[in-house]
């Protein structure tokens, strides 16, 4: 049966169209949202309110307003808590280490999985987090605080390696990271403790981490301790 001319033309036009662009790979999932937290999808110019359990893709950008906060679990098993007045961009696709870009603001991170690797790039330096708990704040001054493990801080002017209980600063893109020094008690932050994520295992499973042994820190009887989390494999 011969197709009418207009149908034949429509078929030819559809065949000539380029295939739809594949969606960017998932980079993280939002686990906590409080206050004015907005999401800008990669390639878009507008923002929309961020909701809990939203999949974040490569190149997506989140912004927290005054008094707002958020938390994420990354594809490779890092937890990131985001303080107010922060702009954080999801990692690009590919690469062994997840590299988040923070134009300004403050994040606290910890590794939920032994193989998790995380870097945070700021205008002043790159902080490479290795199996650790750390706080990174970029305002006029970049301040790095390490609570557990090891973090390297690097820019074109130098590199410093920090261990638990140490702090370093960078005055700006033209300055080298300062030598690590011991943190004073008054310098230890606790803003991240105000972010309480419910049912963390659900979000870990969304990131494909089911069946793997993970370690998370929980508060019990006024004390924090590491707890093994064993997620069931999906049928």
N, C-alpha and C. Protein backbone atom coordinates (compact mmCIF):
# COMPACT_ATOMS: atom_id res chain seq x y z
N UNK A 1 0.85 -1.20 0.00
CA UNK A 1 0.00 0.00 0.00
C UNK A 1 0.89 1.25 0.00
N UNK A 2 0.57 2.15 -0.92
CA UNK A 2 1.39 3.35 -1.05
C UNK A 2 0.95 4.42 -0.04
N UNK A 3 1.92 4.99 0.68
CA UNK A 3 1.60 6.04 1.65
C UNK A 3 1.24 7.33 0.95
N UNK A 4 0.27 8.08 1.51
CA UNK A 4 -0.01 9.41 0.97
C UNK A 4 1.24 10.27 1.05
N UNK A 5 1.33 11.23 0.16
CA UNK A 5 2.53 12.06 0.07
C UNK A 5 2.84 12.77 1.37
N UNK A 6 1.79 13.26 2.07
CA UNK A 6 2.06 14.01 3.31
C UNK A 6 2.58 13.10 4.41
N UNK A 7 2.10 11.82 4.45
CA UNK A 7 2.60 10.88 5.45
C UNK A 7 4.03 10.48 5.15
N UNK A 8 4.33 10.31 3.85
CA UNK A 8 5.68 9.95 3.44
C UNK A 8 6.67 11.05 3.83
N UNK A 9 6.25 12.30 3.63
CA UNK A 9 7.11 13.43 3.98
C UNK A 9 7.33 13.49 5.48
N UNK A 10 6.29 13.19 6.27
CA UNK A 10 6.41 13.22 7.73
C UNK A 10 7.38 12.15 8.21
N UNK A 11 7.32 10.97 7.58
CA UNK A 11 8.23 9.89 7.96
C UNK A 11 9.67 10.28 7.67
N UNK A 12 9.90 10.87 6.50
CA UNK A 12 11.24 11.31 6.14
C UNK A 12 11.76 12.38 7.10
N UNK A 13 10.88 13.29 7.49
CA UNK A 13 11.28 14.37 8.41
C UNK A 13 11.66 13.80 9.77
N UNK A 14 10.86 12.85 10.28
CA UNK A 14 11.15 12.25 11.59
C UNK A 14 12.46 11.48 11.55
N UNK A 15 12.72 10.80 10.43
CA UNK A 15 13.96 10.02 10.32
C UNK A 15 15.18 10.92 10.30
N UNK A 16 14.99 12.14 9.78
CA UNK A 16 16.12 13.07 9.67
C UNK A 16 16.44 13.76 10.98
N UNK A 17 15.51 13.73 11.94
CA UNK A 17 15.76 14.40 13.21
C UNK A 17 16.87 13.71 13.99
N UNK A 18 17.72 14.46 14.71
CA UNK A 18 18.76 13.83 15.55
C UNK A 18 18.12 13.10 16.71
N UNK A 19 18.75 12.03 17.19
CA UNK A 19 18.19 11.31 18.34
C UNK A 19 18.16 12.20 19.57
N UNK A 20 17.20 12.00 20.48
CA UNK A 20 17.13 12.83 21.68
C UNK A 20 18.40 12.67 22.51
N UNK A 21 18.83 13.78 23.09
CA UNK A 21 20.05 13.74 23.92
C UNK A 21 19.83 12.88 25.15
N UNK A 22 20.83 12.07 25.45
CA UNK A 22 20.73 11.22 26.64
C UNK A 22 20.84 12.07 27.89
N UNK A 23 20.08 11.69 28.90
CA UNK A 23 20.11 12.44 30.16
C UNK A 23 21.48 12.28 30.82
N UNK A 24 21.95 13.35 31.43
CA UNK A 24 23.23 13.29 32.14
C UNK A 24 23.16 12.25 33.25
N UNK A 25 24.29 11.66 33.56
CA UNK A 25 24.32 10.62 34.58
C UNK A 25 24.01 11.19 35.96
N UNK A 26 23.42 10.35 36.79
CA UNK A 26 23.08 10.74 38.15
C UNK A 26 24.37 10.96 38.94
N UNK A 27 24.43 12.08 39.68
CA UNK A 27 25.60 12.41 40.48
C UNK A 27 25.33 12.28 41.98
N UNK A 28 24.08 12.50 42.38
CA UNK A 28 23.74 12.49 43.82
C UNK A 28 22.23 12.46 43.98
N UNK A 29 21.80 12.30 45.22
CA UNK A 29 20.38 12.39 45.55
C UNK A 29 20.25 13.29 46.78
N UNK A 30 19.24 14.15 46.78
CA UNK A 30 19.03 15.03 47.93
C UNK A 30 18.38 14.25 49.06
N UNK A 31 18.89 14.42 50.27
CA UNK A 31 18.41 13.66 51.43
C UNK A 31 17.78 14.55 52.50
N UNK A 32 17.99 15.86 52.39
CA UNK A 32 17.48 16.79 53.40
C UNK A 32 17.38 18.16 52.77
N UNK A 33 16.27 18.84 53.02
CA UNK A 33 16.09 20.20 52.54
C UNK A 33 15.38 21.00 53.62
N UNK A 34 15.93 22.16 53.95
CA UNK A 34 15.30 23.04 54.93
C UNK A 34 15.45 24.49 54.47
N UNK A 35 14.35 25.18 54.37
CA UNK A 35 14.39 26.58 53.96
C UNK A 35 14.45 26.73 52.46
N UNK A 36 14.98 27.86 52.00
CA UNK A 36 15.01 28.21 50.58
C UNK A 36 16.21 27.55 49.91
N UNK A 37 15.97 26.37 49.33
CA UNK A 37 17.01 25.64 48.60
C UNK A 37 16.51 25.45 47.17
N UNK A 38 17.30 25.88 46.20
CA UNK A 38 16.85 25.86 44.81
C UNK A 38 17.79 25.05 43.93
N UNK A 39 17.21 24.50 42.86
CA UNK A 39 17.93 23.64 41.93
C UNK A 39 17.87 24.24 40.53
N UNK A 40 19.02 24.32 39.88
CA UNK A 40 19.10 24.71 38.48
C UNK A 40 19.68 23.53 37.71
N UNK A 41 18.87 22.97 36.81
CA UNK A 41 19.34 21.84 36.02
C UNK A 41 20.41 22.30 35.03
N UNK A 42 21.34 21.41 34.71
CA UNK A 42 22.41 21.73 33.76
C UNK A 42 21.81 22.17 32.44
N UNK A 43 22.32 23.28 31.89
CA UNK A 43 21.86 23.78 30.62
C UNK A 43 20.65 24.68 30.70
N UNK A 44 20.06 24.84 31.90
CA UNK A 44 18.90 25.70 32.07
C UNK A 44 19.31 26.99 32.79
N UNK A 45 18.43 27.99 32.72
CA UNK A 45 18.73 29.29 33.36
C UNK A 45 17.86 29.56 34.57
N UNK A 46 16.75 28.83 34.69
CA UNK A 46 15.83 29.08 35.80
C UNK A 46 16.08 28.11 36.95
N UNK A 47 15.63 28.52 38.14
CA UNK A 47 15.73 27.69 39.34
C UNK A 47 14.34 27.23 39.78
N UNK A 48 14.30 26.08 40.42
CA UNK A 48 13.06 25.56 41.01
C UNK A 48 13.38 25.07 42.41
N UNK A 49 12.39 25.04 43.31
CA UNK A 49 12.65 24.55 44.66
C UNK A 49 13.17 23.10 44.63
N UNK A 50 14.17 22.82 45.44
CA UNK A 50 14.70 21.46 45.55
C UNK A 50 13.88 20.70 46.59
N UNK A 51 13.53 19.46 46.25
CA UNK A 51 12.78 18.61 47.17
C UNK A 51 13.64 17.43 47.59
N UNK A 52 13.29 16.85 48.73
CA UNK A 52 13.99 15.66 49.21
C UNK A 52 13.77 14.51 48.23
N UNK A 53 14.78 13.68 48.06
CA UNK A 53 14.74 12.50 47.21
C UNK A 53 14.74 12.85 45.72
N UNK A 54 15.31 14.00 45.37
CA UNK A 54 15.47 14.40 43.97
C UNK A 54 16.82 13.91 43.46
N UNK A 55 16.82 13.26 42.30
CA UNK A 55 18.07 12.84 41.68
C UNK A 55 18.75 14.06 41.05
N UNK A 56 20.01 14.25 41.39
CA UNK A 56 20.80 15.36 40.87
C UNK A 56 21.78 14.81 39.84
N UNK A 57 21.87 15.49 38.71
CA UNK A 57 22.68 14.98 37.61
C UNK A 57 23.92 15.86 37.39
N UNK A 58 24.83 15.33 36.59
CA UNK A 58 26.09 16.03 36.31
C UNK A 58 25.79 17.44 35.82
N UNK A 59 26.47 18.42 36.44
CA UNK A 59 26.31 19.81 36.03
C UNK A 59 25.17 20.55 36.69
N UNK A 60 24.29 19.87 37.43
CA UNK A 60 23.22 20.55 38.15
C UNK A 60 23.80 21.44 39.24
N UNK A 61 23.08 22.51 39.58
CA UNK A 61 23.55 23.48 40.56
C UNK A 61 22.50 23.66 41.65
N UNK A 62 22.92 23.64 42.91
CA UNK A 62 21.99 23.93 44.00
C UNK A 62 22.48 25.17 44.74
N UNK A 63 21.51 25.97 45.20
CA UNK A 63 21.81 27.19 45.96
C UNK A 63 20.95 27.21 47.21
N UNK A 64 21.59 27.49 48.33
CA UNK A 64 20.86 27.62 49.60
C UNK A 64 20.79 29.09 49.99
N UNK A 65 19.62 29.51 50.46
CA UNK A 65 19.43 30.88 50.88
C UNK A 65 19.82 31.10 52.33
N UNK A 66 19.54 32.29 52.82
CA UNK A 66 19.84 32.64 54.21
C UNK A 66 19.07 31.73 55.15
N UNK A 67 19.78 31.09 56.08
CA UNK A 67 19.16 30.20 57.06
C UNK A 67 18.75 28.85 56.52
N UNK A 68 19.04 28.56 55.25
CA UNK A 68 18.65 27.30 54.63
C UNK A 68 19.79 26.29 54.70
N UNK A 69 19.47 25.01 54.49
CA UNK A 69 20.49 23.97 54.47
C UNK A 69 19.97 22.78 53.68
N UNK A 70 20.89 21.91 53.29
CA UNK A 70 20.53 20.74 52.50
C UNK A 70 21.57 19.65 52.74
N UNK A 71 21.25 18.44 52.28
CA UNK A 71 22.21 17.33 52.36
C UNK A 71 22.03 16.44 51.14
N UNK A 72 23.14 15.81 50.73
CA UNK A 72 23.16 14.94 49.56
C UNK A 72 23.92 13.66 49.89
N UNK A 73 23.61 12.60 49.16
CA UNK A 73 24.46 11.42 49.11
C UNK A 73 24.91 11.27 47.67
N UNK A 74 26.21 11.19 47.45
CA UNK A 74 26.74 11.14 46.09
C UNK A 74 26.72 9.72 45.54
N UNK A 75 26.89 9.63 44.23
CA UNK A 75 26.86 8.34 43.55
C UNK A 75 27.93 7.39 44.07
N UNK A 76 29.05 7.93 44.51
CA UNK A 76 30.16 7.08 44.95
C UNK A 76 30.22 6.91 46.46
N UNK A 77 29.17 7.37 47.18
CA UNK A 77 29.09 7.05 48.60
C UNK A 77 29.61 8.09 49.56
N UNK A 78 29.57 9.37 49.17
CA UNK A 78 29.94 10.45 50.10
C UNK A 78 28.68 11.17 50.55
N UNK A 79 28.65 11.58 51.80
CA UNK A 79 27.57 12.43 52.29
C UNK A 79 28.08 13.87 52.32
N UNK A 80 27.27 14.79 51.81
CA UNK A 80 27.63 16.21 51.80
C UNK A 80 26.50 17.00 52.43
N UNK A 81 26.82 17.76 53.47
CA UNK A 81 25.84 18.64 54.10
C UNK A 81 26.18 20.07 53.70
N UNK A 82 25.18 20.81 53.29
CA UNK A 82 25.37 22.12 52.68
C UNK A 82 24.78 23.19 53.59
N UNK A 83 25.60 24.15 53.98
CA UNK A 83 25.15 25.22 54.87
C UNK A 83 24.46 26.32 54.07
N UNK A 84 23.96 27.33 54.77
CA UNK A 84 23.25 28.44 54.13
C UNK A 84 24.19 29.26 53.25
N UNK A 85 23.59 30.00 52.30
CA UNK A 85 24.33 30.90 51.41
C UNK A 85 25.47 30.17 50.70
N UNK A 86 25.12 29.06 50.06
CA UNK A 86 26.11 28.23 49.37
C UNK A 86 25.65 27.95 47.95
N UNK A 87 26.59 27.92 47.02
CA UNK A 87 26.33 27.52 45.65
C UNK A 87 27.23 26.33 45.34
N UNK A 88 26.60 25.18 45.05
CA UNK A 88 27.35 23.93 44.85
C UNK A 88 26.92 23.27 43.54
N UNK A 89 27.91 22.96 42.70
CA UNK A 89 27.64 22.34 41.39
C UNK A 89 28.04 20.87 41.43
N UNK A 90 27.17 20.02 40.85
CA UNK A 90 27.42 18.58 40.83
C UNK A 90 28.60 18.25 39.91
N UNK A 91 29.29 17.12 40.17
CA UNK A 91 30.46 16.76 39.38
C UNK A 91 30.12 16.50 37.92
N UNK A 92 31.09 16.75 37.04
CA UNK A 92 30.95 16.38 35.64
C UNK A 92 31.02 14.87 35.51
N UNK A 93 30.58 14.36 34.38
CA UNK A 93 30.61 12.91 34.18
C UNK A 93 32.03 12.42 34.01
N UNK A 94 32.26 11.18 34.47
CA UNK A 94 33.58 10.57 34.33
C UNK A 94 34.50 10.96 35.46
N UNK A 95 35.65 10.30 35.52
CA UNK A 95 36.64 10.60 36.55
C UNK A 95 36.53 9.67 37.74
N UNK A 96 37.66 9.34 38.32
CA UNK A 96 37.69 8.44 39.48
C UNK A 96 37.17 9.16 40.71
N UNK A 97 37.54 10.41 40.87
CA UNK A 97 37.14 11.18 42.04
C UNK A 97 36.02 12.15 41.67
N UNK A 98 34.99 12.24 42.51
CA UNK A 98 33.91 13.19 42.30
C UNK A 98 34.41 14.58 42.64
N UNK A 99 34.30 15.52 41.71
CA UNK A 99 34.76 16.88 41.94
C UNK A 99 33.56 17.82 41.93
N UNK A 100 33.16 18.25 43.11
CA UNK A 100 32.09 19.23 43.25
C UNK A 100 32.71 20.62 43.16
N UNK A 101 31.98 21.56 42.59
CA UNK A 101 32.47 22.94 42.48
C UNK A 101 31.65 23.85 43.39
N UNK A 102 32.31 24.53 44.30
CA UNK A 102 31.65 25.43 45.23
C UNK A 102 32.16 26.85 45.00
N UNK A 103 31.31 27.68 44.40
CA UNK A 103 31.70 29.07 44.13
C UNK A 103 31.83 29.86 45.43
N UNK A 104 30.94 29.59 46.37
CA UNK A 104 30.98 30.21 47.69
C UNK A 104 30.12 29.37 48.61
N UNK A 105 30.36 29.52 49.91
CA UNK A 105 29.54 28.81 50.89
C UNK A 105 30.32 27.86 51.77
N UNK A 106 29.62 26.85 52.27
CA UNK A 106 30.22 25.93 53.24
C UNK A 106 29.60 24.55 53.12
N UNK A 107 30.45 23.51 53.09
CA UNK A 107 29.98 22.13 53.09
C UNK A 107 30.75 21.32 54.11
N UNK A 108 30.10 20.31 54.61
CA UNK A 108 30.71 19.31 55.50
C UNK A 108 30.54 17.98 54.82
N UNK A 109 31.58 17.16 54.82
CA UNK A 109 31.49 15.88 54.11
C UNK A 109 32.07 14.76 54.95
N UNK A 110 31.59 13.57 54.63
CA UNK A 110 32.17 12.35 55.20
C UNK A 110 31.96 11.23 54.19
N UNK A 111 32.84 10.25 54.22
CA UNK A 111 32.75 9.13 53.31
C UNK A 111 31.93 8.02 53.94
N UNK A 112 30.86 7.61 53.27
CA UNK A 112 30.02 6.53 53.77
C UNK A 112 30.50 5.17 53.28
N UNK A 113 31.37 5.18 52.31
CA UNK A 113 31.89 3.94 51.75
C UNK A 113 33.40 4.03 51.65
N UNK A 114 34.06 2.91 51.88
CA UNK A 114 35.53 2.91 51.92
C UNK A 114 36.14 3.35 50.60
N UNK A 115 35.45 3.11 49.49
CA UNK A 115 36.00 3.46 48.18
C UNK A 115 35.60 4.87 47.73
N UNK A 116 34.83 5.57 48.52
CA UNK A 116 34.39 6.91 48.14
C UNK A 116 35.58 7.86 48.09
N UNK A 117 35.58 8.71 47.07
CA UNK A 117 36.59 9.75 46.91
C UNK A 117 35.87 11.04 46.54
N UNK A 118 36.31 12.15 47.09
CA UNK A 118 35.59 13.40 46.90
C UNK A 118 36.58 14.56 46.86
N UNK A 119 36.36 15.47 45.92
CA UNK A 119 37.10 16.73 45.90
C UNK A 119 36.12 17.88 45.81
N UNK A 120 36.47 19.00 46.42
CA UNK A 120 35.67 20.22 46.32
C UNK A 120 36.57 21.31 45.76
N UNK A 121 36.19 21.83 44.59
CA UNK A 121 36.96 22.89 43.95
C UNK A 121 36.33 24.24 44.28
N UNK A 122 37.11 25.15 44.80
CA UNK A 122 36.65 26.50 45.12
C UNK A 122 37.50 27.50 44.33
N UNK A 123 37.15 28.78 44.33
CA UNK A 123 37.98 29.76 43.63
C UNK A 123 39.41 29.84 44.16
N UNK A 124 39.64 29.41 45.41
CA UNK A 124 40.97 29.55 46.01
C UNK A 124 41.83 28.30 45.89
N UNK A 125 41.20 27.10 45.92
CA UNK A 125 41.98 25.87 45.92
C UNK A 125 41.05 24.67 45.74
N UNK A 126 41.68 23.50 45.58
CA UNK A 126 40.95 22.23 45.51
C UNK A 126 41.25 21.45 46.78
N UNK A 127 40.19 20.96 47.42
CA UNK A 127 40.34 20.14 48.63
C UNK A 127 40.01 18.70 48.27
N UNK A 128 40.99 17.81 48.37
CA UNK A 128 40.81 16.40 48.04
C UNK A 128 40.63 15.60 49.32
N UNK A 129 39.41 15.13 49.53
CA UNK A 129 39.03 14.45 50.77
C UNK A 129 39.24 12.96 50.60
N UNK A 130 39.91 12.35 51.56
CA UNK A 130 40.22 10.91 51.49
C UNK A 130 39.70 10.20 52.72
N UNK A 131 38.60 9.52 52.58
CA UNK A 131 38.06 8.70 53.67
C UNK A 131 37.98 9.44 54.97
N UNK A 132 37.33 10.59 54.98
CA UNK A 132 37.48 11.48 56.11
C UNK A 132 36.23 12.29 56.39
N UNK A 133 36.30 13.07 57.44
CA UNK A 133 35.24 14.02 57.81
C UNK A 133 35.87 15.41 57.83
N UNK A 134 35.32 16.30 57.00
CA UNK A 134 35.96 17.61 56.84
C UNK A 134 34.92 18.70 56.60
N UNK A 135 35.31 19.93 56.91
CA UNK A 135 34.48 21.12 56.71
C UNK A 135 35.25 22.08 55.81
N UNK A 136 34.60 22.52 54.72
CA UNK A 136 35.22 23.43 53.76
C UNK A 136 34.34 24.66 53.63
N UNK A 137 34.92 25.83 53.89
CA UNK A 137 34.15 27.07 53.82
C UNK A 137 34.88 28.08 52.93
N UNK A 138 34.18 28.54 51.88
CA UNK A 138 34.74 29.54 50.97
C UNK A 138 33.95 30.83 51.10
N UNK A 139 34.54 31.79 51.77
CA UNK A 139 33.99 33.15 51.82
C UNK A 139 35.09 34.05 51.25
N UNK A 140 35.42 35.13 51.88
CA UNK A 140 36.58 35.91 51.43
C UNK A 140 37.86 35.09 51.62
N UNK A 141 37.84 34.23 52.64
CA UNK A 141 38.94 33.34 52.96
C UNK A 141 38.45 31.90 52.81
N UNK A 142 39.30 31.02 52.28
CA UNK A 142 38.98 29.59 52.26
C UNK A 142 39.50 28.97 53.55
N UNK A 143 38.62 28.28 54.27
CA UNK A 143 39.01 27.63 55.52
C UNK A 143 38.69 26.14 55.42
N UNK A 144 39.69 25.31 55.67
CA UNK A 144 39.53 23.86 55.67
C UNK A 144 39.79 23.33 57.07
N UNK A 145 38.82 22.56 57.60
CA UNK A 145 38.97 21.93 58.91
C UNK A 145 38.81 20.42 58.74
N UNK A 146 39.73 19.66 59.29
CA UNK A 146 39.69 18.21 59.17
C UNK A 146 39.40 17.61 60.54
N UNK A 147 38.31 16.84 60.63
CA UNK A 147 37.93 16.22 61.90
C UNK A 147 38.37 14.77 61.98
N UNK A 148 38.40 14.10 60.83
CA UNK A 148 38.87 12.71 60.79
C UNK A 148 39.58 12.49 59.46
N UNK A 149 40.62 11.66 59.47
CA UNK A 149 41.26 11.26 58.23
C UNK A 149 42.25 12.27 57.68
N UNK A 150 42.21 12.46 56.36
CA UNK A 150 43.28 13.18 55.65
C UNK A 150 42.68 13.95 54.49
N UNK A 151 43.10 15.21 54.32
CA UNK A 151 42.68 16.05 53.20
C UNK A 151 43.89 16.78 52.65
N UNK A 152 44.04 16.77 51.31
CA UNK A 152 45.05 17.59 50.65
C UNK A 152 44.39 18.85 50.13
N UNK A 153 45.02 19.99 50.33
CA UNK A 153 44.53 21.25 49.79
C UNK A 153 45.60 21.80 48.85
N UNK A 154 45.19 22.15 47.62
CA UNK A 154 46.18 22.45 46.59
C UNK A 154 45.68 23.55 45.65
N UNK A 155 46.58 24.42 45.25
CA UNK A 155 46.37 25.33 44.13
C UNK A 155 47.72 25.50 43.42
N UNK A 156 47.78 26.38 42.43
CA UNK A 156 49.01 26.52 41.65
C UNK A 156 50.19 27.05 42.47
N UNK A 157 49.89 27.54 43.67
CA UNK A 157 50.94 28.14 44.50
C UNK A 157 51.48 27.20 45.57
N UNK A 158 50.86 26.02 45.71
CA UNK A 158 51.36 25.10 46.73
C UNK A 158 50.35 24.05 47.15
N UNK A 159 50.81 23.13 47.99
CA UNK A 159 49.99 22.02 48.49
C UNK A 159 50.28 21.82 49.97
N UNK A 160 49.23 21.52 50.71
CA UNK A 160 49.39 21.16 52.12
C UNK A 160 48.54 19.91 52.39
N UNK A 161 49.03 19.06 53.28
CA UNK A 161 48.29 17.87 53.69
C UNK A 161 47.88 18.03 55.15
N UNK A 162 46.58 17.83 55.40
CA UNK A 162 46.04 18.00 56.75
C UNK A 162 45.55 16.66 57.29
N UNK A 163 45.68 16.52 58.59
CA UNK A 163 45.17 15.33 59.28
C UNK A 163 44.17 15.76 60.34
N UNK A 164 43.59 14.78 61.01
CA UNK A 164 42.54 15.04 61.99
C UNK A 164 42.99 16.08 63.01
N UNK A 165 42.08 17.05 63.27
CA UNK A 165 42.37 18.07 64.27
C UNK A 165 43.13 19.26 63.74
N UNK A 166 43.35 19.31 62.41
CA UNK A 166 44.13 20.42 61.84
C UNK A 166 43.25 21.34 60.99
N UNK A 167 43.76 22.54 60.77
CA UNK A 167 43.07 23.59 60.03
C UNK A 167 44.07 24.27 59.10
N UNK A 168 43.59 24.70 57.92
CA UNK A 168 44.41 25.50 57.01
C UNK A 168 43.53 26.55 56.34
N UNK A 169 44.14 27.61 55.86
CA UNK A 169 43.40 28.67 55.17
C UNK A 169 44.13 29.05 53.89
N UNK A 170 43.36 29.65 52.96
CA UNK A 170 43.93 30.21 51.74
C UNK A 170 43.33 31.60 51.58
N UNK A 171 44.19 32.60 51.46
CA UNK A 171 43.73 33.99 51.42
C UNK A 171 43.06 34.34 50.10
N UNK A 172 43.34 33.56 49.03
CA UNK A 172 42.74 33.83 47.73
C UNK A 172 43.45 33.05 46.65
N UNK A 173 42.98 33.16 45.38
CA UNK A 173 43.59 32.38 44.30
C UNK A 173 45.08 32.64 44.11
N UNK A 174 45.56 33.81 44.52
CA UNK A 174 46.97 34.13 44.35
C UNK A 174 47.83 33.75 45.53
N UNK A 175 47.24 33.15 46.55
CA UNK A 175 47.98 32.79 47.76
C UNK A 175 48.12 31.28 47.89
N UNK A 176 49.21 30.85 48.49
CA UNK A 176 49.42 29.42 48.75
C UNK A 176 48.65 29.01 50.00
N UNK A 177 48.24 27.74 50.11
CA UNK A 177 47.61 27.26 51.34
C UNK A 177 48.55 27.42 52.53
N UNK A 178 48.01 27.90 53.63
CA UNK A 178 48.83 28.08 54.83
C UNK A 178 49.20 26.73 55.43
N UNK A 179 50.31 26.69 56.12
CA UNK A 179 50.74 25.46 56.80
C UNK A 179 49.67 25.02 57.80
N UNK A 180 49.39 23.74 57.90
CA UNK A 180 48.37 23.27 58.85
C UNK A 180 48.75 23.61 60.28
N UNK A 181 47.72 23.88 61.07
CA UNK A 181 47.93 24.09 62.51
C UNK A 181 46.81 23.41 63.27
N UNK A 182 47.01 23.21 64.55
CA UNK A 182 46.00 22.56 65.38
C UNK A 182 44.77 23.46 65.52
N UNK A 183 43.59 22.85 65.41
CA UNK A 183 42.35 23.59 65.63
C UNK A 183 42.15 23.84 67.12
N UNK A 184 41.68 25.02 67.43
CA UNK A 184 41.27 25.31 68.80
C UNK A 184 39.83 24.86 68.99
N UNK A 185 39.47 24.59 70.22
CA UNK A 185 38.11 24.12 70.53
C UNK A 185 37.06 25.09 70.00
N UNK A 186 37.31 26.37 70.12
CA UNK A 186 36.34 27.37 69.68
C UNK A 186 36.19 27.42 68.17
N UNK A 187 37.16 26.85 67.44
CA UNK A 187 37.10 26.86 65.98
C UNK A 187 36.36 25.66 65.41
N UNK A 188 36.05 24.69 66.23
CA UNK A 188 35.36 23.49 65.76
C UNK A 188 33.88 23.79 65.57
N UNK A 189 33.40 23.63 64.35
CA UNK A 189 32.00 23.93 64.05
C UNK A 189 31.07 22.77 64.36
N UNK A 190 29.79 23.10 64.53
CA UNK A 190 28.80 22.04 64.76
C UNK A 190 27.51 22.30 63.99
N UNK A 191 27.55 23.22 63.01
CA UNK A 191 26.34 23.54 62.26
C UNK A 191 25.76 22.30 61.57
N UNK A 192 26.64 21.38 61.14
CA UNK A 192 26.20 20.20 60.41
C UNK A 192 25.34 19.27 61.26
N UNK A 193 25.45 19.39 62.58
CA UNK A 193 24.67 18.51 63.46
C UNK A 193 23.18 18.87 63.44
N UNK A 194 22.86 20.06 62.93
CA UNK A 194 21.45 20.44 62.81
C UNK A 194 20.76 19.81 61.62
N UNK A 195 21.50 19.05 60.81
CA UNK A 195 20.92 18.37 59.65
C UNK A 195 20.72 16.90 60.00
N UNK A 196 19.47 16.50 60.12
CA UNK A 196 19.15 15.12 60.50
C UNK A 196 18.49 14.41 59.31
N UNK A 197 19.19 13.44 58.75
CA UNK A 197 18.69 12.70 57.60
C UNK A 197 17.98 11.44 58.08
N UNK A 198 16.73 11.27 57.66
CA UNK A 198 15.96 10.09 58.04
C UNK A 198 16.09 9.01 56.96
N UNK A 199 16.20 7.76 57.40
CA UNK A 199 16.23 6.61 56.49
C UNK A 199 17.35 6.74 55.48
N UNK A 200 18.58 6.91 55.97
CA UNK A 200 19.73 7.06 55.10
C UNK A 200 19.90 5.88 54.14
N UNK A 201 19.55 4.68 54.61
CA UNK A 201 19.70 3.49 53.77
C UNK A 201 18.93 3.58 52.47
N UNK A 202 17.78 4.23 52.49
CA UNK A 202 16.96 4.37 51.28
C UNK A 202 17.71 5.15 50.21
N UNK A 203 18.40 6.19 50.62
CA UNK A 203 19.12 7.01 49.65
C UNK A 203 20.38 6.32 49.16
N UNK A 204 21.02 5.56 50.03
CA UNK A 204 22.18 4.79 49.60
C UNK A 204 21.79 3.78 48.53
N UNK A 205 20.64 3.17 48.70
CA UNK A 205 20.15 2.21 47.71
C UNK A 205 19.86 2.90 46.38
N UNK A 206 19.34 4.12 46.42
CA UNK A 206 19.06 4.85 45.17
C UNK A 206 20.35 5.11 44.40
N UNK A 207 21.46 5.19 45.12
CA UNK A 207 22.74 5.41 44.48
C UNK A 207 23.41 4.09 44.06
N UNK A 208 22.68 2.99 44.18
CA UNK A 208 23.21 1.71 43.74
C UNK A 208 24.21 1.10 44.70
N UNK A 209 24.15 1.49 45.97
CA UNK A 209 25.10 0.98 46.95
C UNK A 209 24.56 -0.18 47.76
N UNK A 210 23.44 -0.77 47.33
CA UNK A 210 22.90 -1.90 48.06
C UNK A 210 23.84 -3.09 48.03
N UNK A 211 23.84 -3.81 49.14
CA UNK A 211 24.67 -5.00 49.23
C UNK A 211 26.10 -4.72 49.65
N UNK A 212 26.46 -3.45 49.80
CA UNK A 212 27.82 -3.11 50.22
C UNK A 212 27.82 -2.72 51.69
N UNK A 213 28.91 -3.04 52.34
CA UNK A 213 29.04 -2.66 53.75
C UNK A 213 29.44 -1.19 53.84
N UNK A 214 28.69 -0.42 54.60
CA UNK A 214 28.92 1.00 54.75
C UNK A 214 29.09 1.33 56.22
N UNK A 215 29.73 2.46 56.48
CA UNK A 215 29.90 2.91 57.86
C UNK A 215 29.33 4.30 58.00
N UNK A 216 28.42 4.45 58.95
CA UNK A 216 27.85 5.77 59.21
C UNK A 216 27.99 6.08 60.69
N UNK A 217 27.96 7.37 60.99
CA UNK A 217 28.10 7.84 62.36
C UNK A 217 26.74 8.28 62.87
N UNK A 218 26.31 7.75 64.00
CA UNK A 218 25.04 8.14 64.57
C UNK A 218 25.25 8.61 66.01
N UNK A 219 24.32 9.43 66.47
CA UNK A 219 24.37 9.92 67.84
C UNK A 219 23.47 9.05 68.71
N UNK A 220 23.98 8.61 69.85
CA UNK A 220 23.21 7.79 70.76
C UNK A 220 23.67 8.07 72.18
N UNK A 221 22.72 8.40 73.02
CA UNK A 221 23.03 8.70 74.42
C UNK A 221 24.08 9.80 74.53
N UNK A 222 23.98 10.79 73.63
CA UNK A 222 24.88 11.92 73.70
C UNK A 222 26.26 11.66 73.13
N UNK A 223 26.50 10.45 72.59
CA UNK A 223 27.80 10.11 72.03
C UNK A 223 27.64 9.73 70.57
N UNK A 224 28.68 10.00 69.77
CA UNK A 224 28.67 9.59 68.37
C UNK A 224 29.53 8.34 68.22
N UNK A 225 29.04 7.39 67.40
CA UNK A 225 29.84 6.20 67.13
C UNK A 225 29.55 5.69 65.74
N UNK A 226 30.54 4.94 65.17
CA UNK A 226 30.37 4.36 63.85
C UNK A 226 29.54 3.10 63.94
N UNK A 227 28.64 2.95 62.98
CA UNK A 227 27.77 1.78 62.94
C UNK A 227 27.84 1.19 61.54
N UNK A 228 27.98 -0.13 61.44
CA UNK A 228 27.95 -0.79 60.14
C UNK A 228 26.53 -0.89 59.64
N UNK A 229 26.33 -0.55 58.36
CA UNK A 229 25.02 -0.65 57.73
C UNK A 229 25.12 -1.67 56.62
N UNK A 230 24.35 -2.73 56.71
CA UNK A 230 24.34 -3.75 55.66
C UNK A 230 23.00 -3.66 54.95
N UNK A 231 23.03 -3.22 53.68
CA UNK A 231 21.81 -3.09 52.90
C UNK A 231 21.55 -4.37 52.13
N UNK A 232 20.30 -4.76 52.09
CA UNK A 232 19.93 -5.97 51.36
C UNK A 232 20.07 -5.75 49.87
N UNK A 233 20.50 -6.79 49.18
CA UNK A 233 20.59 -6.70 47.74
C UNK A 233 19.20 -6.69 47.13
N UNK A 234 19.05 -5.92 46.04
CA UNK A 234 17.76 -5.87 45.37
C UNK A 234 17.50 -7.20 44.69
N UNK A 235 16.25 -7.69 44.72
CA UNK A 235 15.97 -8.97 44.07
C UNK A 235 16.14 -8.88 42.57
